[in-house]
Amino acid sequence: MARIAMIEWNPELITEVTINHGRLTVFHVSVLPNLRSLDLAHNQLASIAGCGLERCMQLEHVNLSHNLLANPTELSLFLYVVFVVVVIDSQRVRLT
């Protein structure tokens, strides 16, 4: 009987995450340093504080539309990461 080698979990290889309509209330992405695209639209996220976005220096696109985000001061973390497009509540914001 042949053995199949298990592939190691390597979060550094992940560049895109899409979880829509998942009823997410929290997320954490600091272990995904090469993340380029994050789409968490249509969930139940009330906060992005402490989610690790500040460690994802490769991010180009973030979609957090249709969530429960209510604290605009949390969005200041986007000032420290160079994004191409950020979508929050169906409004596109370009940061370059």
N, C-alpha and C. Protein backbone atom coordinates (compact mmCIF):
# COMPACT_ATOMS: atom_id res chain seq x y z
N MET A 1 0.84 -1.17 0.00
CA MET A 1 0.00 0.00 0.00
C MET A 1 0.89 1.24 0.00
N ALA A 2 0.65 2.15 -0.93
CA ALA A 2 1.43 3.38 -1.05
C ALA A 2 0.97 4.39 0.00
N ARG A 3 1.92 5.10 0.53
CA ARG A 3 1.61 6.16 1.50
C ARG A 3 1.56 7.50 0.78
N ILE A 4 0.59 8.29 1.12
CA ILE A 4 0.47 9.62 0.56
C ILE A 4 0.98 10.62 1.60
N ALA A 5 1.97 11.37 1.21
CA ALA A 5 2.56 12.35 2.15
C ALA A 5 1.58 13.50 2.37
N MET A 6 1.45 13.88 3.60
CA MET A 6 0.62 15.03 3.94
C MET A 6 1.34 16.31 3.54
N ILE A 7 0.64 17.18 2.91
CA ILE A 7 1.21 18.47 2.55
C ILE A 7 1.16 19.36 3.79
N GLU A 8 2.28 20.00 4.08
CA GLU A 8 2.34 20.87 5.25
C GLU A 8 1.49 22.11 5.04
N TRP A 9 0.85 22.54 6.09
CA TRP A 9 0.08 23.77 6.09
C TRP A 9 1.07 24.93 6.06
N ASN A 10 1.02 25.73 5.02
CA ASN A 10 1.92 26.86 4.89
C ASN A 10 1.11 28.11 4.59
N PRO A 11 0.68 28.84 5.61
CA PRO A 11 -0.16 30.02 5.40
C PRO A 11 0.52 31.12 4.59
N GLU A 12 1.84 31.09 4.49
CA GLU A 12 2.54 32.10 3.70
C GLU A 12 2.27 31.97 2.21
N LEU A 13 1.72 30.84 1.78
CA LEU A 13 1.41 30.65 0.36
C LEU A 13 0.03 31.19 -0.01
N ILE A 14 -0.77 31.53 0.96
CA ILE A 14 -2.13 32.00 0.70
C ILE A 14 -2.09 33.48 0.31
N THR A 15 -2.67 33.80 -0.86
CA THR A 15 -2.69 35.18 -1.34
C THR A 15 -4.10 35.75 -1.45
N GLU A 16 -5.11 34.90 -1.43
CA GLU A 16 -6.49 35.37 -1.54
C GLU A 16 -7.38 34.62 -0.56
N VAL A 17 -8.28 35.37 0.10
CA VAL A 17 -9.28 34.77 0.98
C VAL A 17 -10.62 35.42 0.66
N THR A 18 -11.62 34.60 0.37
CA THR A 18 -12.98 35.08 0.14
C THR A 18 -13.92 34.25 0.99
N ILE A 19 -14.62 34.92 1.89
CA ILE A 19 -15.64 34.27 2.71
C ILE A 19 -16.83 35.23 2.74
N ASN A 20 -17.79 35.01 1.86
CA ASN A 20 -18.98 35.85 1.77
C ASN A 20 -20.16 35.11 2.36
N HIS A 21 -21.07 35.86 2.97
CA HIS A 21 -22.30 35.29 3.54
C HIS A 21 -21.99 34.17 4.54
N GLY A 22 -20.91 34.32 5.28
CA GLY A 22 -20.50 33.27 6.20
C GLY A 22 -20.90 33.49 7.65
N ARG A 23 -21.56 34.61 7.93
CA ARG A 23 -21.96 34.96 9.30
C ARG A 23 -20.75 35.12 10.23
N LEU A 24 -19.62 35.47 9.67
CA LEU A 24 -18.42 35.68 10.49
C LEU A 24 -18.63 36.86 11.43
N THR A 25 -18.20 36.71 12.66
CA THR A 25 -18.23 37.81 13.61
C THR A 25 -16.82 38.29 13.95
N VAL A 26 -15.82 37.46 13.72
CA VAL A 26 -14.42 37.82 13.92
C VAL A 26 -13.57 37.13 12.85
N PHE A 27 -12.39 37.69 12.62
CA PHE A 27 -11.42 37.05 11.74
C PHE A 27 -10.03 37.48 12.16
N HIS A 28 -9.03 36.71 11.80
CA HIS A 28 -7.65 37.03 12.14
C HIS A 28 -6.76 36.58 10.99
N VAL A 29 -5.99 37.52 10.44
CA VAL A 29 -5.20 37.22 9.25
C VAL A 29 -3.70 37.48 9.40
N SER A 30 -3.21 37.72 10.59
CA SER A 30 -1.79 38.06 10.73
C SER A 30 -0.86 36.92 10.31
N VAL A 31 -1.36 35.70 10.27
CA VAL A 31 -0.54 34.56 9.85
C VAL A 31 -0.50 34.42 8.32
N LEU A 32 -1.13 35.37 7.62
CA LEU A 32 -1.16 35.35 6.15
C LEU A 32 -0.42 36.57 5.60
N PRO A 33 0.90 36.62 5.76
CA PRO A 33 1.65 37.84 5.40
C PRO A 33 1.65 38.17 3.91
N ASN A 34 1.35 37.21 3.05
CA ASN A 34 1.36 37.45 1.60
C ASN A 34 -0.03 37.63 1.02
N LEU A 35 -0.99 37.85 1.88
CA LEU A 35 -2.36 38.05 1.44
C LEU A 35 -2.45 39.29 0.56
N ARG A 36 -3.02 39.14 -0.63
CA ARG A 36 -3.19 40.26 -1.57
C ARG A 36 -4.64 40.70 -1.67
N SER A 37 -5.57 39.77 -1.46
CA SER A 37 -6.99 40.09 -1.60
C SER A 37 -7.77 39.44 -0.45
N LEU A 38 -8.57 40.26 0.22
CA LEU A 38 -9.40 39.79 1.33
C LEU A 38 -10.83 40.26 1.08
N ASP A 39 -11.73 39.32 0.89
CA ASP A 39 -13.14 39.65 0.63
C ASP A 39 -14.00 38.98 1.70
N LEU A 40 -14.47 39.78 2.64
CA LEU A 40 -15.31 39.28 3.73
C LEU A 40 -16.67 39.98 3.71
N ALA A 41 -17.16 40.28 2.51
CA ALA A 41 -18.44 40.98 2.37
C ALA A 41 -19.59 40.10 2.84
N HIS A 42 -20.64 40.76 3.30
CA HIS A 42 -21.88 40.08 3.71
C HIS A 42 -21.65 39.12 4.87
N ASN A 43 -21.03 39.62 5.92
CA ASN A 43 -20.87 38.85 7.15
C ASN A 43 -21.44 39.67 8.30
N GLN A 44 -21.02 39.37 9.51
CA GLN A 44 -21.52 40.08 10.68
C GLN A 44 -20.38 40.67 11.50
N LEU A 45 -19.38 41.19 10.81
CA LEU A 45 -18.22 41.77 11.47
C LEU A 45 -18.58 43.14 12.04
N ALA A 46 -18.40 43.30 13.34
CA ALA A 46 -18.68 44.58 14.00
C ALA A 46 -17.41 45.37 14.25
N SER A 47 -16.25 44.71 14.13
CA SER A 47 -14.99 45.36 14.43
C SER A 47 -13.87 44.71 13.63
N ILE A 48 -12.86 45.52 13.29
CA ILE A 48 -11.65 44.96 12.67
C ILE A 48 -10.44 45.17 13.57
N ALA A 49 -10.68 45.64 14.78
CA ALA A 49 -9.58 45.83 15.75
C ALA A 49 -8.96 44.48 16.10
N GLY A 50 -7.66 44.42 16.08
CA GLY A 50 -6.94 43.21 16.48
C GLY A 50 -7.04 42.06 15.52
N CYS A 51 -7.42 42.32 14.28
CA CYS A 51 -7.60 41.23 13.31
C CYS A 51 -6.32 40.90 12.55
N GLY A 52 -5.28 41.71 12.71
CA GLY A 52 -4.00 41.41 12.08
C GLY A 52 -3.81 42.01 10.69
N LEU A 53 -4.73 42.84 10.22
CA LEU A 53 -4.58 43.44 8.90
C LEU A 53 -3.29 44.23 8.75
N GLU A 54 -2.83 44.82 9.84
CA GLU A 54 -1.62 45.64 9.77
C GLU A 54 -0.37 44.82 9.43
N ARG A 55 -0.44 43.52 9.56
CA ARG A 55 0.70 42.65 9.23
C ARG A 55 0.67 42.16 7.79
N CYS A 56 -0.42 42.42 7.09
CA CYS A 56 -0.59 41.96 5.71
C CYS A 56 -0.14 43.06 4.76
N MET A 57 1.15 43.20 4.61
CA MET A 57 1.72 44.31 3.85
C MET A 57 1.56 44.17 2.33
N GLN A 58 1.09 43.03 1.85
CA GLN A 58 0.90 42.82 0.41
C GLN A 58 -0.53 43.11 -0.04
N LEU A 59 -1.41 43.46 0.87
CA LEU A 59 -2.82 43.65 0.53
C LEU A 59 -3.02 44.72 -0.53
N GLU A 60 -3.82 44.38 -1.54
CA GLU A 60 -4.16 45.31 -2.60
C GLU A 60 -5.66 45.57 -2.64
N HIS A 61 -6.45 44.62 -2.18
CA HIS A 61 -7.91 44.74 -2.25
C HIS A 61 -8.53 44.19 -0.97
N VAL A 62 -9.38 44.99 -0.34
CA VAL A 62 -10.10 44.57 0.85
C VAL A 62 -11.57 44.92 0.66
N ASN A 63 -12.45 43.94 0.81
CA ASN A 63 -13.88 44.18 0.72
C ASN A 63 -14.53 43.79 2.04
N LEU A 64 -14.97 44.79 2.79
CA LEU A 64 -15.65 44.57 4.06
C LEU A 64 -17.08 45.10 4.00
N SER A 65 -17.61 45.22 2.80
CA SER A 65 -18.95 45.79 2.65
C SER A 65 -20.01 44.86 3.23
N HIS A 66 -21.13 45.46 3.60
CA HIS A 66 -22.28 44.72 4.12
C HIS A 66 -21.94 43.93 5.38
N ASN A 67 -21.26 44.61 6.30
CA ASN A 67 -20.97 44.08 7.62
C ASN A 67 -21.56 45.05 8.64
N LEU A 68 -21.22 44.91 9.89
CA LEU A 68 -21.77 45.74 10.95
C LEU A 68 -20.74 46.71 11.51
N LEU A 69 -19.74 47.07 10.71
CA LEU A 69 -18.66 47.95 11.16
C LEU A 69 -19.23 49.32 11.51
N ALA A 70 -18.96 49.76 12.72
CA ALA A 70 -19.55 51.01 13.19
C ALA A 70 -18.54 52.01 13.71
N ASN A 71 -17.30 51.60 13.92
CA ASN A 71 -16.30 52.49 14.51
C ASN A 71 -15.33 52.98 13.43
N PRO A 72 -15.54 54.19 12.93
CA PRO A 72 -14.68 54.69 11.85
C PRO A 72 -13.22 54.86 12.24
N THR A 73 -12.91 54.98 13.52
CA THR A 73 -11.51 55.13 13.92
C THR A 73 -10.71 53.85 13.66
N GLU A 74 -11.38 52.71 13.62
CA GLU A 74 -10.67 51.46 13.31
C GLU A 74 -10.14 51.45 11.89
N LEU A 75 -10.75 52.21 11.02
CA LEU A 75 -10.32 52.25 9.62
C LEU A 75 -8.98 52.96 9.45
N SER A 76 -8.51 53.61 10.50
CA SER A 76 -7.22 54.30 10.41
C SER A 76 -6.07 53.33 10.17
N LEU A 77 -6.25 52.06 10.48
CA LEU A 77 -5.17 51.10 10.23
C LEU A 77 -4.88 50.98 8.76
N PHE A 78 -5.83 51.34 7.91
CA PHE A 78 -5.59 51.30 6.47
C PHE A 78 -4.59 52.35 6.03
N LEU A 79 -4.32 53.34 6.86
CA LEU A 79 -3.34 54.37 6.53
C LEU A 79 -1.92 53.84 6.58
N TYR A 80 -1.70 52.74 7.26
CA TYR A 80 -0.35 52.19 7.42
C TYR A 80 -0.02 51.08 6.44
N VAL A 81 -1.00 50.69 5.65
CA VAL A 81 -0.79 49.64 4.65
C VAL A 81 -1.14 50.23 3.29
N VAL A 82 -0.33 49.95 2.29
CA VAL A 82 -0.58 50.49 0.96
C VAL A 82 -1.58 49.59 0.24
N PHE A 83 -2.80 50.10 0.09
CA PHE A 83 -3.85 49.37 -0.59
C PHE A 83 -4.10 50.00 -1.95
N VAL A 84 -4.64 49.22 -2.83
CA VAL A 84 -5.10 49.77 -4.09
C VAL A 84 -6.58 50.10 -3.96
N VAL A 85 -7.39 49.16 -3.46
CA VAL A 85 -8.83 49.38 -3.33
C VAL A 85 -9.32 48.84 -1.99
N VAL A 86 -10.11 49.63 -1.30
CA VAL A 86 -10.78 49.21 -0.08
C VAL A 86 -12.26 49.47 -0.29
N VAL A 87 -13.12 48.46 -0.07
CA VAL A 87 -14.56 48.62 -0.24
C VAL A 87 -15.21 48.45 1.13
N ILE A 88 -15.92 49.49 1.55
CA ILE A 88 -16.64 49.45 2.82
C ILE A 88 -18.04 49.97 2.56
N ASP A 89 -19.03 49.12 2.78
CA ASP A 89 -20.43 49.47 2.55
C ASP A 89 -20.67 50.02 1.16
N SER A 90 -20.20 49.27 0.19
CA SER A 90 -20.45 49.54 -1.23
C SER A 90 -19.85 50.85 -1.74
N GLN A 91 -18.97 51.45 -0.98
CA GLN A 91 -18.28 52.65 -1.44
C GLN A 91 -16.81 52.29 -1.67
N ARG A 92 -16.33 52.58 -2.84
CA ARG A 92 -14.93 52.29 -3.14
C ARG A 92 -14.06 53.44 -2.68
N VAL A 93 -13.00 53.12 -2.01
CA VAL A 93 -12.04 54.11 -1.56
C VAL A 93 -10.70 53.70 -2.14
N ARG A 94 -10.08 54.56 -2.91
CA ARG A 94 -8.77 54.23 -3.49
C ARG A 94 -7.69 54.89 -2.64
N LEU A 95 -6.77 54.09 -2.19
CA LEU A 95 -5.62 54.59 -1.42
C LEU A 95 -4.37 54.24 -2.21
N THR A 96 -3.59 55.22 -2.54
CA THR A 96 -2.36 54.93 -3.28
C THR A 96 -1.18 55.62 -2.65
